Protein backbone atom coordinates (compact mmCIF):
# COMPACT_ATOMS: atom_id res chain seq x y z
CA UNK A 1 87.32 150.58 71.73
CA UNK A 2 88.70 148.97 68.57
CA UNK A 3 87.40 150.00 65.21
CA UNK A 4 87.26 147.38 62.41
CA UNK A 5 87.20 148.19 58.69
CA UNK A 6 86.30 145.12 56.55
CA UNK A 7 88.02 142.75 59.04
CA UNK A 8 91.05 144.87 59.66
CA UNK A 9 91.74 146.81 62.89
CA UNK A 10 91.85 150.56 62.17
CA UNK A 11 95.15 150.86 64.07
CA UNK A 12 96.75 148.35 61.70
CA UNK A 13 96.01 150.69 58.85
CA UNK A 14 97.83 153.71 60.34
CA UNK A 15 101.75 153.58 59.71
CA UNK A 16 103.79 153.20 62.93
CA UNK A 17 105.14 156.74 62.49
CA UNK A 18 101.71 158.32 62.37
CA UNK A 19 100.68 156.33 65.37
CA UNK A 20 103.63 157.71 67.28
CA UNK A 21 102.72 161.24 66.19
CA UNK A 22 99.04 160.79 67.28
CA UNK A 23 100.08 159.21 70.59
CA UNK A 24 102.31 162.20 71.25
CA UNK A 25 99.61 164.77 70.36
CA UNK A 26 97.12 162.84 72.57
CA UNK A 27 99.60 162.93 75.45
CA UNK A 28 100.05 166.75 74.95
CA UNK A 29 96.38 167.29 75.19
CA UNK A 30 95.95 165.12 78.21
CA UNK A 31 98.72 166.97 80.01
CA UNK A 32 97.43 170.38 79.00
CA UNK A 33 93.86 169.68 80.08
CA UNK A 34 95.10 168.18 83.49
CA UNK A 35 96.02 171.58 84.90
CA UNK A 36 94.14 174.72 85.80
CA UNK A 37 94.96 177.49 83.24
CA UNK A 38 95.60 174.86 80.61
CA UNK A 39 96.91 177.23 77.90
CA UNK A 40 99.46 178.86 80.18
CA UNK A 41 100.59 175.47 81.52
CA UNK A 42 101.07 173.79 78.11
CA UNK A 43 103.63 170.87 78.63
CA UNK A 44 107.07 170.82 77.24
CA UNK A 45 108.52 168.08 75.16
CA UNK A 46 110.18 166.45 78.18
CA UNK A 47 106.83 166.30 80.12
CA UNK A 48 105.20 164.57 77.22
CA UNK A 49 108.08 162.13 76.81
CA UNK A 50 107.94 161.35 80.54
CA UNK A 51 104.19 160.59 80.32
CA UNK A 52 104.77 158.35 77.21
CA UNK A 53 107.61 156.39 78.87
CA UNK A 54 105.56 155.89 82.00
CA UNK A 55 102.76 154.52 79.92
CA UNK A 56 105.02 151.93 78.24
CA UNK A 57 106.47 150.45 81.36
């Protein structure tokens, strides 16, 4: 769902760097919540980068 603020898409208002940070944090949460015992199975940086690179293929 895309949010609009006075004719501008919300994602256009967020600087590219911040979008990358939010995307990384979202991927961390998705990977953490996808396994049993989520806190003990928190993903490492490489796991998150693998997920993000698969998303952008």
